[in-house]
N, C-alpha and C. Protein backbone atom coordinates (compact mmCIF):
# COMPACT_ATOMS: atom_id res chain seq x y z
N MET A 1 -25.35 58.48 -43.58
CA MET A 1 -26.54 57.53 -43.63
C MET A 1 -27.79 57.79 -44.12
N LYS A 2 -28.16 57.17 -45.24
CA LYS A 2 -29.56 57.54 -46.05
C LYS A 2 -30.60 57.01 -44.94
N LYS A 3 -31.62 57.89 -44.77
CA LYS A 3 -32.70 57.50 -43.73
C LYS A 3 -33.82 57.02 -44.74
N ILE A 4 -34.59 56.16 -44.14
CA ILE A 4 -35.94 55.61 -44.71
C ILE A 4 -36.91 56.67 -44.24
N LYS A 5 -37.55 57.30 -45.20
CA LYS A 5 -38.74 58.17 -45.24
C LYS A 5 -39.99 57.39 -44.96
N ILE A 6 -40.68 57.69 -44.04
CA ILE A 6 -42.03 57.01 -43.89
C ILE A 6 -42.95 57.87 -43.49
N ILE A 7 -44.27 57.40 -43.83
CA ILE A 7 -45.44 57.98 -43.34
C ILE A 7 -46.14 57.00 -42.34
N ILE A 8 -46.61 57.30 -41.35
CA ILE A 8 -47.50 56.20 -40.59
C ILE A 8 -48.89 56.85 -40.46
N ALA A 9 -49.72 55.94 -40.37
CA ALA A 9 -51.22 55.98 -40.56
C ALA A 9 -52.05 55.21 -39.54
N ASP A 10 -52.75 55.71 -38.75
CA ASP A 10 -53.66 55.13 -37.83
C ASP A 10 -54.89 55.84 -37.19
N ASP A 11 -55.93 55.56 -36.95
CA ASP A 11 -56.93 56.35 -36.41
C ASP A 11 -57.07 56.44 -35.19
N HIS A 12 -56.10 55.71 -34.36
CA HIS A 12 -55.94 56.01 -32.91
C HIS A 12 -54.90 56.93 -32.58
N GLN A 13 -55.15 58.11 -32.19
CA GLN A 13 -54.12 59.04 -32.04
C GLN A 13 -52.95 58.61 -30.93
N ILE A 14 -53.56 58.06 -29.97
CA ILE A 14 -52.63 57.85 -28.85
C ILE A 14 -51.60 56.53 -29.34
N PHE A 15 -52.12 55.83 -30.25
CA PHE A 15 -51.24 54.81 -30.60
C PHE A 15 -50.23 55.49 -31.80
N LEU A 16 -50.95 56.22 -32.60
CA LEU A 16 -49.84 57.01 -33.57
C LEU A 16 -48.93 57.92 -32.67
N ASP A 17 -49.13 58.60 -31.67
CA ASP A 17 -48.22 59.30 -30.84
C ASP A 17 -47.12 58.46 -30.40
N GLY A 18 -47.63 57.22 -29.90
CA GLY A 18 -46.46 56.26 -29.30
C GLY A 18 -45.52 55.83 -30.37
N LEU A 19 -46.22 55.36 -31.56
CA LEU A 19 -45.28 54.83 -32.62
C LEU A 19 -44.22 55.89 -33.12
N HIS A 20 -44.88 57.33 -33.23
CA HIS A 20 -44.10 58.29 -33.65
C HIS A 20 -42.78 58.49 -32.77
N SER A 21 -43.26 58.52 -31.28
CA SER A 21 -42.30 58.72 -30.51
C SER A 21 -40.97 57.80 -30.43
N ILE A 22 -41.44 56.43 -30.78
CA ILE A 22 -40.37 55.29 -30.71
C ILE A 22 -39.62 55.47 -32.05
N LEU A 23 -40.26 55.69 -33.41
CA LEU A 23 -39.54 55.51 -34.54
C LEU A 23 -38.79 56.90 -34.60
N ASN A 24 -39.18 57.92 -34.05
CA ASN A 24 -38.49 59.26 -34.24
C ASN A 24 -37.04 59.10 -33.68
N ASN A 25 -36.80 58.32 -32.77
CA ASN A 25 -35.44 58.05 -32.25
C ASN A 25 -34.73 56.96 -32.68
N VAL A 26 -35.07 56.36 -33.88
CA VAL A 26 -34.39 55.40 -34.56
C VAL A 26 -33.68 56.22 -35.78
N GLN A 27 -32.27 55.76 -35.75
CA GLN A 27 -31.38 56.51 -36.50
C GLN A 27 -31.32 56.52 -37.89
N ASP A 28 -31.97 55.51 -38.37
CA ASP A 28 -32.07 55.31 -40.03
C ASP A 28 -33.45 55.52 -40.71
N ILE A 29 -34.34 56.10 -39.73
CA ILE A 29 -35.74 56.42 -39.97
C ILE A 29 -36.11 57.81 -39.75
N GLU A 30 -36.88 58.41 -40.77
CA GLU A 30 -37.44 59.65 -40.73
C GLU A 30 -38.80 59.78 -40.91
N ILE A 31 -39.69 60.06 -40.04
CA ILE A 31 -41.07 60.31 -40.13
C ILE A 31 -41.38 61.48 -40.85
N VAL A 32 -42.07 61.59 -42.12
CA VAL A 32 -42.01 62.54 -42.94
C VAL A 32 -43.53 63.18 -42.86
N ALA A 33 -44.35 62.38 -42.32
CA ALA A 33 -45.94 62.74 -42.16
C ALA A 33 -46.71 61.67 -41.42
N GLU A 34 -47.80 62.21 -40.78
CA GLU A 34 -48.69 61.27 -40.22
C GLU A 34 -50.18 61.50 -40.86
N ALA A 35 -51.10 60.21 -40.75
CA ALA A 35 -52.48 60.39 -41.08
C ALA A 35 -53.07 59.71 -40.23
N ASN A 36 -54.46 60.05 -40.10
CA ASN A 36 -55.43 59.23 -39.29
C ASN A 36 -56.69 58.60 -39.89
N ASN A 37 -56.55 58.88 -41.48
CA ASN A 37 -57.62 58.23 -42.30
C ASN A 37 -56.96 58.02 -43.40
N GLY A 38 -57.67 57.10 -44.36
CA GLY A 38 -57.30 56.71 -45.77
C GLY A 38 -57.01 57.85 -46.67
N VAL A 39 -58.21 58.88 -46.61
CA VAL A 39 -58.05 59.90 -47.65
C VAL A 39 -56.82 60.73 -47.36
N ASP A 40 -56.62 61.14 -46.02
CA ASP A 40 -55.62 61.96 -45.75
C ASP A 40 -54.08 61.18 -46.14
N LEU A 41 -54.04 59.95 -45.86
CA LEU A 41 -52.89 59.27 -46.22
C LEU A 41 -52.53 59.35 -47.69
N LEU A 42 -53.61 59.19 -48.47
CA LEU A 42 -53.26 59.35 -49.95
C LEU A 42 -52.80 60.69 -50.35
N LYS A 43 -53.19 61.69 -49.85
CA LYS A 43 -52.80 63.12 -50.19
C LYS A 43 -51.42 63.21 -49.60
N LYS A 44 -51.25 62.79 -48.41
CA LYS A 44 -49.68 63.00 -47.95
C LYS A 44 -48.75 62.00 -48.69
N ALA A 45 -49.22 60.97 -49.13
CA ALA A 45 -48.48 60.17 -50.04
C ALA A 45 -47.85 60.76 -51.22
N GLU A 46 -48.98 61.61 -51.82
CA GLU A 46 -48.74 62.21 -53.14
C GLU A 46 -47.63 63.21 -52.99
N ILE A 47 -47.71 64.09 -51.83
CA ILE A 47 -46.87 65.09 -51.52
C ILE A 47 -45.58 64.73 -51.08
N HIS A 48 -45.38 63.76 -50.18
CA HIS A 48 -44.05 63.34 -49.59
C HIS A 48 -43.35 62.30 -50.30
N ARG A 49 -44.04 61.39 -51.05
CA ARG A 49 -43.48 60.39 -51.66
C ARG A 49 -42.41 59.41 -50.92
N PRO A 50 -42.97 58.89 -49.81
CA PRO A 50 -42.05 58.34 -48.83
C PRO A 50 -41.43 56.97 -49.45
N ASP A 51 -40.28 56.46 -48.58
CA ASP A 51 -39.80 55.21 -49.06
C ASP A 51 -40.79 54.09 -48.48
N VAL A 52 -41.43 54.37 -47.54
CA VAL A 52 -42.33 53.23 -46.87
C VAL A 52 -43.67 53.96 -46.27
N ILE A 53 -44.61 53.32 -46.52
CA ILE A 53 -46.04 53.71 -45.54
C ILE A 53 -46.45 52.46 -44.73
N LEU A 54 -46.44 53.12 -43.29
CA LEU A 54 -46.82 52.01 -42.41
C LEU A 54 -48.13 52.39 -41.96
N THR A 55 -49.14 51.47 -42.16
CA THR A 55 -50.62 51.94 -41.97
C THR A 55 -51.30 50.86 -41.26
N ASP A 56 -52.42 51.30 -40.71
CA ASP A 56 -53.24 50.45 -40.10
C ASP A 56 -54.28 49.84 -41.22
N LEU A 57 -54.82 48.78 -40.82
CA LEU A 57 -55.89 48.17 -41.73
C LEU A 57 -57.24 48.90 -41.79
N ARG A 58 -57.74 49.20 -40.92
CA ARG A 58 -59.18 49.84 -40.58
C ARG A 58 -59.04 51.25 -40.35
N MET A 59 -59.45 52.13 -41.13
CA MET A 59 -59.55 53.62 -40.75
C MET A 59 -60.65 54.23 -41.47
N PRO A 60 -61.14 55.25 -40.76
CA PRO A 60 -62.37 56.06 -41.31
C PRO A 60 -62.12 56.74 -42.79
N GLY A 61 -63.28 57.16 -43.33
CA GLY A 61 -63.13 57.77 -44.54
C GLY A 61 -62.73 56.97 -45.70
N MET A 62 -61.66 56.11 -45.64
CA MET A 62 -61.32 55.12 -46.72
C MET A 62 -60.29 54.29 -45.99
N ASP A 63 -60.68 53.05 -45.84
CA ASP A 63 -59.92 51.95 -45.06
C ASP A 63 -58.63 51.62 -45.94
N GLY A 64 -57.72 50.76 -45.07
CA GLY A 64 -56.52 50.48 -45.64
C GLY A 64 -56.53 49.71 -46.84
N VAL A 65 -57.50 48.88 -47.04
CA VAL A 65 -57.66 48.09 -48.35
C VAL A 65 -57.95 48.95 -49.56
N ALA A 66 -58.93 49.81 -49.28
CA ALA A 66 -58.91 50.78 -50.60
C ALA A 66 -57.89 51.77 -50.77
N ALA A 67 -57.38 52.29 -49.70
CA ALA A 67 -55.94 53.09 -49.66
C ALA A 67 -54.90 52.36 -50.49
N VAL A 68 -54.59 51.04 -50.11
CA VAL A 68 -53.54 50.31 -50.70
C VAL A 68 -53.74 50.16 -52.08
N ARG A 69 -55.25 49.72 -52.54
CA ARG A 69 -55.34 49.57 -53.95
C ARG A 69 -55.25 50.92 -54.79
N TYR A 70 -55.55 52.14 -54.31
CA TYR A 70 -55.27 53.19 -54.96
C TYR A 70 -53.82 53.63 -55.05
N LEU A 71 -52.82 53.39 -53.97
CA LEU A 71 -51.51 53.52 -53.92
C LEU A 71 -51.02 52.57 -55.04
N LYS A 72 -51.35 51.43 -54.99
CA LYS A 72 -50.85 50.42 -55.91
C LYS A 72 -50.98 50.72 -57.39
N MET A 73 -51.95 51.54 -57.63
CA MET A 73 -52.50 52.07 -59.17
C MET A 73 -51.71 53.15 -59.40
N HIS A 74 -51.62 54.24 -58.35
CA HIS A 74 -50.99 55.55 -58.73
C HIS A 74 -49.61 55.75 -58.13
N LEU A 75 -49.12 55.23 -57.12
CA LEU A 75 -47.69 55.27 -56.65
C LEU A 75 -47.22 53.99 -56.35
N PRO A 76 -47.15 53.05 -57.38
CA PRO A 76 -46.67 51.60 -57.29
C PRO A 76 -45.29 51.34 -56.51
N ASP A 77 -44.39 52.52 -56.75
CA ASP A 77 -43.11 52.37 -56.24
C ASP A 77 -43.15 52.53 -54.89
N ILE A 78 -43.96 52.85 -54.03
CA ILE A 78 -44.21 53.16 -52.66
C ILE A 78 -44.57 51.85 -51.80
N PRO A 79 -43.63 51.07 -51.24
CA PRO A 79 -44.30 49.97 -50.55
C PRO A 79 -45.19 50.28 -49.28
N VAL A 80 -46.13 49.40 -49.19
CA VAL A 80 -46.92 49.50 -47.99
C VAL A 80 -46.83 48.46 -47.10
N LEU A 81 -46.59 48.92 -45.69
CA LEU A 81 -46.53 47.87 -44.70
C LEU A 81 -47.64 47.90 -43.63
N VAL A 82 -48.49 46.94 -43.44
CA VAL A 82 -49.73 47.01 -42.60
C VAL A 82 -49.46 46.60 -41.20
N LEU A 83 -49.72 47.42 -40.16
CA LEU A 83 -49.68 47.11 -39.15
C LEU A 83 -50.84 46.99 -38.32
N SER A 84 -51.54 45.88 -37.89
CA SER A 84 -53.02 46.02 -37.60
C SER A 84 -53.22 45.00 -36.42
N MET A 85 -54.27 45.17 -35.85
CA MET A 85 -54.58 44.16 -34.62
C MET A 85 -55.63 43.12 -35.25
N PHE A 86 -55.90 43.12 -36.54
CA PHE A 86 -56.66 42.04 -37.15
C PHE A 86 -56.00 40.98 -37.48
N GLU A 87 -56.10 39.64 -37.28
CA GLU A 87 -55.35 38.55 -37.58
C GLU A 87 -56.02 37.53 -38.33
N GLN A 88 -57.52 37.72 -38.74
CA GLN A 88 -58.11 36.89 -39.51
C GLN A 88 -57.53 36.60 -40.89
N GLN A 89 -57.65 35.44 -41.25
CA GLN A 89 -57.12 35.05 -42.58
C GLN A 89 -57.70 35.76 -43.79
N GLU A 90 -58.91 36.16 -43.65
CA GLU A 90 -59.50 36.77 -44.89
C GLU A 90 -59.00 38.34 -45.06
N GLU A 91 -58.87 38.88 -43.74
CA GLU A 91 -58.44 40.33 -43.69
C GLU A 91 -57.11 40.44 -44.36
N ILE A 92 -56.12 39.54 -43.80
CA ILE A 92 -54.74 39.58 -44.08
C ILE A 92 -54.52 39.20 -45.80
N ILE A 93 -55.33 38.39 -46.17
CA ILE A 93 -55.27 37.82 -47.49
C ILE A 93 -55.72 39.06 -48.41
N GLU A 94 -56.82 39.71 -47.87
CA GLU A 94 -57.50 40.83 -48.69
C GLU A 94 -56.45 41.86 -48.82
N ILE A 95 -55.82 42.27 -47.92
CA ILE A 95 -54.79 43.43 -47.93
C ILE A 95 -53.42 43.04 -48.79
N LEU A 96 -53.09 41.88 -48.68
CA LEU A 96 -51.92 41.29 -49.50
C LEU A 96 -52.49 41.30 -50.71
N LYS A 97 -53.41 40.92 -51.26
CA LYS A 97 -54.10 40.87 -52.62
C LYS A 97 -54.09 42.42 -53.12
N ALA A 98 -54.56 43.28 -52.26
CA ALA A 98 -54.62 44.72 -52.63
C ALA A 98 -53.25 45.20 -53.10
N GLY A 99 -52.12 44.59 -52.62
CA GLY A 99 -50.79 45.14 -52.95
C GLY A 99 -49.95 45.67 -51.77
N ALA A 100 -50.30 45.24 -50.59
CA ALA A 100 -49.44 45.55 -49.42
C ALA A 100 -48.09 44.58 -49.60
N ARG A 101 -47.10 45.32 -49.27
CA ARG A 101 -45.65 44.55 -49.40
C ARG A 101 -45.39 43.71 -48.07
N GLY A 102 -46.16 43.98 -46.95
CA GLY A 102 -45.97 43.18 -45.74
C GLY A 102 -47.10 43.57 -44.67
N TYR A 103 -47.02 42.60 -43.74
CA TYR A 103 -48.04 42.54 -42.60
C TYR A 103 -47.36 42.06 -41.42
N ILE A 104 -47.93 43.08 -40.28
CA ILE A 104 -47.35 42.74 -38.91
C ILE A 104 -48.63 43.12 -37.97
N PRO A 105 -49.02 41.98 -37.11
CA PRO A 105 -49.79 42.14 -35.95
C PRO A 105 -49.33 43.39 -35.00
N LYS A 106 -50.46 44.02 -34.53
CA LYS A 106 -50.00 44.91 -33.37
C LYS A 106 -49.27 44.46 -32.10
N LYS A 107 -49.39 43.20 -31.89
CA LYS A 107 -48.89 42.50 -30.84
C LYS A 107 -47.37 42.43 -31.02
N ALA A 108 -46.79 42.49 -32.12
CA ALA A 108 -45.48 42.24 -32.49
C ALA A 108 -44.72 43.39 -31.69
N GLY A 109 -43.29 43.22 -31.39
CA GLY A 109 -42.41 44.24 -30.86
C GLY A 109 -41.96 45.15 -31.88
N ILE A 110 -41.30 46.26 -31.24
CA ILE A 110 -40.85 47.25 -32.08
C ILE A 110 -39.60 46.65 -33.07
N LYS A 111 -38.95 45.84 -32.37
CA LYS A 111 -37.65 45.28 -33.30
C LYS A 111 -38.26 44.60 -34.49
N GLU A 112 -39.30 43.65 -34.44
CA GLU A 112 -40.03 43.19 -35.69
C GLU A 112 -40.35 44.46 -36.55
N VAL A 113 -41.11 45.43 -35.95
CA VAL A 113 -41.55 46.52 -37.02
C VAL A 113 -40.26 47.06 -37.83
N LEU A 114 -39.23 47.32 -37.16
CA LEU A 114 -38.04 47.79 -37.75
C LEU A 114 -37.48 46.84 -38.82
N ILE A 115 -37.50 45.75 -38.43
CA ILE A 115 -37.06 44.59 -39.47
C ILE A 115 -37.94 44.76 -40.68
N ALA A 116 -39.08 44.80 -40.43
CA ALA A 116 -40.18 44.90 -41.62
C ALA A 116 -40.14 46.26 -42.39
N ILE A 117 -39.79 47.34 -41.70
CA ILE A 117 -39.76 48.62 -42.30
C ILE A 117 -38.51 48.56 -43.30
N ARG A 118 -37.38 47.91 -42.83
CA ARG A 118 -36.26 47.94 -43.51
C ARG A 118 -36.21 46.87 -44.74
N ALA A 119 -36.91 45.92 -44.43
CA ALA A 119 -37.20 44.87 -45.56
C ALA A 119 -37.88 45.46 -46.67
N VAL A 120 -39.08 46.07 -46.48
CA VAL A 120 -39.88 46.63 -47.58
C VAL A 120 -39.34 47.69 -48.17
N ALA A 121 -38.62 48.57 -47.51
CA ALA A 121 -37.67 49.63 -48.03
C ALA A 121 -36.68 49.15 -49.08
N ARG A 122 -36.22 47.85 -48.97
CA ARG A 122 -35.26 47.22 -49.97
C ARG A 122 -36.02 46.45 -50.83
N SER A 123 -37.39 46.66 -51.10
CA SER A 123 -38.08 46.12 -52.14
C SER A 123 -38.19 44.55 -51.68
N ARG A 124 -38.09 44.06 -50.58
CA ARG A 124 -38.56 42.68 -50.17
C ARG A 124 -39.90 42.77 -49.39
N LYS A 125 -40.36 41.47 -49.44
CA LYS A 125 -41.74 41.30 -48.47
C LYS A 125 -41.36 40.91 -47.21
N TYR A 126 -42.35 41.21 -46.35
CA TYR A 126 -42.42 40.82 -45.05
C TYR A 126 -43.66 40.41 -44.47
N LEU A 127 -43.74 39.11 -43.91
CA LEU A 127 -44.89 38.68 -43.23
C LEU A 127 -44.57 38.13 -41.77
N SER A 128 -45.02 38.68 -41.00
CA SER A 128 -44.53 38.40 -39.50
C SER A 128 -44.89 36.87 -39.22
N PRO A 129 -43.81 36.23 -38.56
CA PRO A 129 -44.18 34.79 -38.01
C PRO A 129 -45.43 34.54 -37.22
N TYR A 130 -46.03 35.59 -36.77
CA TYR A 130 -47.23 35.41 -35.96
C TYR A 130 -48.29 35.26 -36.97
N ILE A 131 -48.38 35.62 -38.20
CA ILE A 131 -49.48 35.39 -39.18
C ILE A 131 -49.09 34.31 -40.28
N SER A 132 -47.89 33.69 -40.39
CA SER A 132 -47.46 32.82 -41.37
C SER A 132 -48.29 31.68 -41.55
N ASP A 133 -48.61 31.11 -40.43
CA ASP A 133 -49.34 29.93 -40.33
C ASP A 133 -50.81 30.19 -40.77
N THR A 134 -51.41 31.24 -40.29
CA THR A 134 -52.67 31.80 -40.79
C THR A 134 -52.89 31.73 -42.17
N ILE A 135 -52.02 32.25 -42.91
CA ILE A 135 -52.13 32.24 -44.32
C ILE A 135 -51.31 31.33 -45.39
N SER A 136 -50.70 30.37 -44.59
CA SER A 136 -49.81 29.65 -45.37
C SER A 136 -50.21 28.78 -46.51
N GLU A 137 -51.75 28.48 -46.54
CA GLU A 137 -52.24 27.86 -47.59
C GLU A 137 -52.38 28.70 -48.95
N TRP A 138 -52.68 30.03 -48.56
CA TRP A 138 -52.68 30.84 -49.59
C TRP A 138 -51.38 31.45 -50.11
N ILE A 139 -50.34 31.55 -49.22
CA ILE A 139 -48.89 31.76 -49.81
C ILE A 139 -48.57 30.73 -50.87
N ASP A 140 -49.08 29.62 -50.62
CA ASP A 140 -48.69 28.50 -51.64
C ASP A 140 -49.40 28.51 -52.88
N ASN A 141 -50.69 29.07 -52.92
CA ASN A 141 -51.59 29.31 -54.04
C ASN A 141 -52.00 30.57 -54.11
N PRO A 142 -51.11 31.75 -54.36
CA PRO A 142 -51.71 33.05 -54.18
C PRO A 142 -52.52 33.61 -55.51
N GLU A 143 -52.34 32.81 -56.47
CA GLU A 143 -52.94 33.39 -57.90
C GLU A 143 -54.34 33.18 -57.88
N MET A 144 -55.19 34.04 -58.59
CA MET A 144 -56.68 33.71 -58.77
C MET A 144 -57.02 34.72 -59.83
N PRO A 145 -58.22 34.26 -60.64
CA PRO A 145 -58.36 35.05 -62.00
C PRO A 145 -58.74 36.33 -61.56
N ASP A 146 -58.55 37.27 -62.58
CA ASP A 146 -59.08 38.70 -62.67
C ASP A 146 -60.20 38.98 -63.40
N PRO A 147 -61.22 39.25 -62.65
CA PRO A 147 -62.71 39.22 -63.19
C PRO A 147 -63.14 40.59 -63.80
N HIS A 148 -62.22 41.54 -63.44
CA HIS A 148 -62.50 42.94 -63.76
C HIS A 148 -61.83 43.73 -64.86
N THR A 149 -61.22 42.95 -65.85
CA THR A 149 -60.23 43.61 -66.76
C THR A 149 -60.99 44.47 -67.68
N GLU A 150 -62.51 44.51 -67.68
CA GLU A 150 -63.16 45.21 -68.61
C GLU A 150 -63.38 46.71 -68.24
N LEU A 151 -63.20 46.97 -66.87
CA LEU A 151 -63.28 48.34 -66.29
C LEU A 151 -62.02 49.18 -66.70
N THR A 152 -62.11 50.21 -67.04
CA THR A 152 -61.13 51.20 -67.26
C THR A 152 -60.30 51.64 -66.11
N LYS A 153 -59.32 52.28 -66.11
CA LYS A 153 -58.61 52.66 -64.84
C LYS A 153 -59.49 53.59 -64.09
N ARG A 154 -60.00 54.62 -64.61
CA ARG A 154 -60.93 55.62 -63.84
C ARG A 154 -62.05 54.95 -63.44
N GLU A 155 -62.67 54.00 -63.95
CA GLU A 155 -63.78 53.07 -63.35
C GLU A 155 -63.47 52.37 -62.17
N ARG A 156 -62.31 51.83 -62.12
CA ARG A 156 -61.76 51.09 -61.00
C ARG A 156 -61.58 52.04 -59.86
N GLU A 157 -60.96 53.30 -60.18
CA GLU A 157 -60.83 54.26 -59.16
C GLU A 157 -62.09 54.58 -58.47
N VAL A 158 -63.25 54.91 -59.31
CA VAL A 158 -64.43 55.23 -58.72
C VAL A 158 -65.03 54.17 -58.01
N LEU A 159 -64.98 52.91 -58.55
CA LEU A 159 -65.38 51.65 -57.83
C LEU A 159 -64.96 51.32 -56.42
N ASP A 160 -63.53 51.67 -56.43
CA ASP A 160 -62.90 51.55 -55.05
C ASP A 160 -63.56 52.53 -54.02
N LEU A 161 -63.87 53.95 -54.47
CA LEU A 161 -64.41 54.98 -53.55
C LEU A 161 -65.82 54.71 -53.32
N VAL A 162 -66.66 54.12 -54.15
CA VAL A 162 -68.03 53.62 -54.01
C VAL A 162 -68.06 52.46 -53.00
N ALA A 163 -67.11 51.59 -53.08
CA ALA A 163 -67.03 50.32 -51.95
C ALA A 163 -66.46 50.95 -50.63
N ALA A 164 -65.68 52.10 -50.70
CA ALA A 164 -65.35 52.65 -49.40
C ALA A 164 -66.55 53.55 -48.95
N GLY A 165 -67.84 53.63 -49.60
CA GLY A 165 -68.76 54.50 -48.97
C GLY A 165 -68.78 55.83 -49.28
N LYS A 166 -68.31 56.26 -50.26
CA LYS A 166 -68.30 57.50 -50.66
C LYS A 166 -69.67 57.90 -51.57
N THR A 167 -69.97 59.08 -51.38
CA THR A 167 -71.16 59.46 -52.33
C THR A 167 -70.47 60.01 -53.62
N SER A 168 -71.27 60.15 -54.74
CA SER A 168 -70.75 60.74 -56.01
C SER A 168 -70.06 62.08 -55.88
N GLN A 169 -70.79 62.92 -55.02
CA GLN A 169 -70.08 64.30 -54.77
C GLN A 169 -68.85 64.17 -54.23
N GLN A 170 -68.61 63.12 -53.25
CA GLN A 170 -67.31 63.08 -52.43
C GLN A 170 -66.28 62.47 -53.46
N ILE A 171 -66.86 61.75 -54.30
CA ILE A 171 -65.82 61.14 -55.23
C ILE A 171 -65.51 62.10 -56.11
N ALA A 172 -66.39 62.71 -56.64
CA ALA A 172 -66.04 63.95 -57.67
C ALA A 172 -65.01 64.89 -57.01
N ASP A 173 -65.20 65.29 -55.92
CA ASP A 173 -64.34 66.40 -54.96
C ASP A 173 -62.91 65.54 -55.08
N PHE A 174 -62.76 64.24 -54.63
CA PHE A 174 -61.45 63.54 -54.36
C PHE A 174 -60.78 63.48 -55.74
N LEU A 175 -61.43 63.06 -56.80
CA LEU A 175 -60.81 63.04 -58.03
C LEU A 175 -60.84 64.04 -59.15
N ASN A 176 -61.34 65.24 -58.57
CA ASN A 176 -61.27 66.48 -59.38
C ASN A 176 -62.06 66.35 -60.54
N LEU A 177 -63.24 65.74 -60.50
CA LEU A 177 -64.25 65.49 -61.59
C LEU A 177 -65.49 66.30 -61.24
N SER A 178 -66.38 66.29 -62.29
CA SER A 178 -67.80 66.54 -61.96
C SER A 178 -68.60 65.74 -61.35
N LYS A 179 -69.72 65.93 -60.76
CA LYS A 179 -70.57 64.91 -60.21
C LYS A 179 -71.24 64.25 -61.36
N LEU A 180 -71.61 64.94 -62.47
CA LEU A 180 -72.14 64.26 -63.66
C LEU A 180 -71.40 63.19 -64.34
N THR A 181 -69.77 63.71 -64.28
CA THR A 181 -68.92 62.50 -64.68
C THR A 181 -68.83 61.25 -63.97
N VAL A 182 -68.92 61.41 -62.68
CA VAL A 182 -68.80 60.21 -61.78
C VAL A 182 -70.14 59.55 -61.81
N ASP A 183 -71.09 60.09 -61.94
CA ASP A 183 -72.60 59.39 -62.06
C ASP A 183 -72.50 58.68 -63.52
N THR A 184 -71.95 59.07 -64.42
CA THR A 184 -71.72 58.39 -65.70
C THR A 184 -70.85 57.20 -65.47
N HIS A 185 -69.70 57.35 -64.87
CA HIS A 185 -68.77 56.16 -64.62
C HIS A 185 -69.42 55.28 -63.74
N ARG A 186 -70.42 55.60 -62.64
CA ARG A 186 -71.01 54.63 -61.95
C ARG A 186 -71.97 53.85 -62.72
N LYS A 187 -72.69 54.48 -63.69
CA LYS A 187 -73.51 53.64 -64.37
C LYS A 187 -72.87 52.73 -65.46
N ASN A 188 -71.76 53.24 -65.94
CA ASN A 188 -71.02 52.10 -66.57
C ASN A 188 -70.41 50.97 -66.03
N ILE A 189 -70.12 51.23 -64.70
CA ILE A 189 -69.77 50.06 -63.74
C ILE A 189 -70.66 49.15 -63.59
N HIS A 190 -71.85 49.49 -63.14
CA HIS A 190 -73.06 48.81 -62.87
C HIS A 190 -73.38 48.04 -64.15
N ARG A 191 -73.23 48.75 -65.36
CA ARG A 191 -73.57 47.91 -66.59
C ARG A 191 -72.55 46.96 -66.94
N LYS A 192 -71.36 47.34 -66.89
CA LYS A 192 -70.34 46.25 -67.30
C LYS A 192 -70.33 45.05 -66.25
N LEU A 193 -70.56 45.31 -64.98
CA LEU A 193 -70.40 44.18 -64.20
C LEU A 193 -71.71 43.34 -63.97
N GLY A 194 -73.02 44.06 -64.63
CA GLY A 194 -74.19 43.47 -64.38
C GLY A 194 -74.62 43.41 -62.89
N ILE A 195 -74.32 44.52 -62.16
CA ILE A 195 -74.75 44.78 -60.70
C ILE A 195 -75.45 45.84 -60.72
N LYS A 196 -76.69 45.85 -60.08
CA LYS A 196 -77.65 47.07 -59.98
C LYS A 196 -77.43 47.72 -58.71
N SER A 197 -76.98 47.43 -57.55
CA SER A 197 -77.05 47.99 -56.26
C SER A 197 -75.56 48.25 -56.01
N ASN A 198 -75.60 49.43 -55.02
CA ASN A 198 -74.24 49.68 -54.48
C ASN A 198 -73.79 48.73 -53.65
N THR A 199 -74.86 47.98 -52.83
CA THR A 199 -74.29 46.93 -51.89
C THR A 199 -73.61 45.86 -52.75
N GLY A 200 -74.22 45.42 -53.93
CA GLY A 200 -73.66 44.53 -54.58
C GLY A 200 -72.43 44.93 -55.22
N LEU A 201 -72.02 46.13 -55.45
CA LEU A 201 -70.47 46.66 -55.96
C LEU A 201 -69.67 46.30 -54.78
N VAL A 202 -70.18 46.71 -53.63
CA VAL A 202 -69.31 46.54 -52.32
C VAL A 202 -68.74 45.01 -52.11
N LYS A 203 -69.94 44.19 -52.37
CA LYS A 203 -69.81 42.67 -52.17
C LYS A 203 -68.78 42.23 -53.41
N PHE A 204 -69.12 42.79 -54.63
CA PHE A 204 -68.01 42.43 -55.76
C PHE A 204 -66.54 42.73 -55.39
N VAL A 205 -66.45 43.86 -54.77
CA VAL A 205 -65.00 44.22 -54.56
C VAL A 205 -64.29 43.53 -53.36
N LEU A 206 -65.15 43.19 -52.28
CA LEU A 206 -64.48 42.30 -51.30
C LEU A 206 -64.24 40.94 -51.88
N GLU A 207 -65.19 40.47 -52.76
CA GLU A 207 -64.93 38.95 -53.15
C GLU A 207 -63.93 38.90 -54.32
N ASN A 208 -63.78 39.92 -55.12
CA ASN A 208 -62.99 39.86 -56.16
C ASN A 208 -61.73 40.57 -56.17
N GLN A 209 -61.45 41.42 -55.17
CA GLN A 209 -60.30 42.10 -55.04
C GLN A 209 -59.96 43.21 -56.23
N VAL A 210 -61.24 43.88 -56.81
CA VAL A 210 -61.06 44.83 -57.69
C VAL A 210 -60.02 45.98 -57.31
């Protein structure tokens, strides 16, 4: 039997330990790595190239939304399934627009989690019945204009990290660039978007799903 290789990510270690304990006993699933923040998740995804990533929505360092956007850009073949306590419409829609393949609230049972993992591993989408009513209107009309096509791929990467609260030096370290190069990208982003402040950039990302 071919096992589904997964990475699980959550910033609450007790939840991560419990999830690992349960999934580790499932015959067709193999946990290849764990992460407790978004930056660590991206690094381990690059190394292990799992079949599915199961992640929380909110994590320190880089939250789930920014991590999913980065994965969608750099590792688009790895489906991301979100398991989160957040059930507000805006948060669910935000992560789905970022590229998540599925969404389950943490109040769901392990049977539903397994159904969802197997579904996204087979290139299908999965939305929990718990949240389908919450986002039913968006499901019927998911398309929205793309206001950021003028940004280069590298500028979008930098913008995601700025929105995640990273400094220029932290971005430089993460992307293996010089701080001067990152500062240049930031200036170009501000100029192209007509936004002067970092707060304005964060707001732009949240509103326009860059």
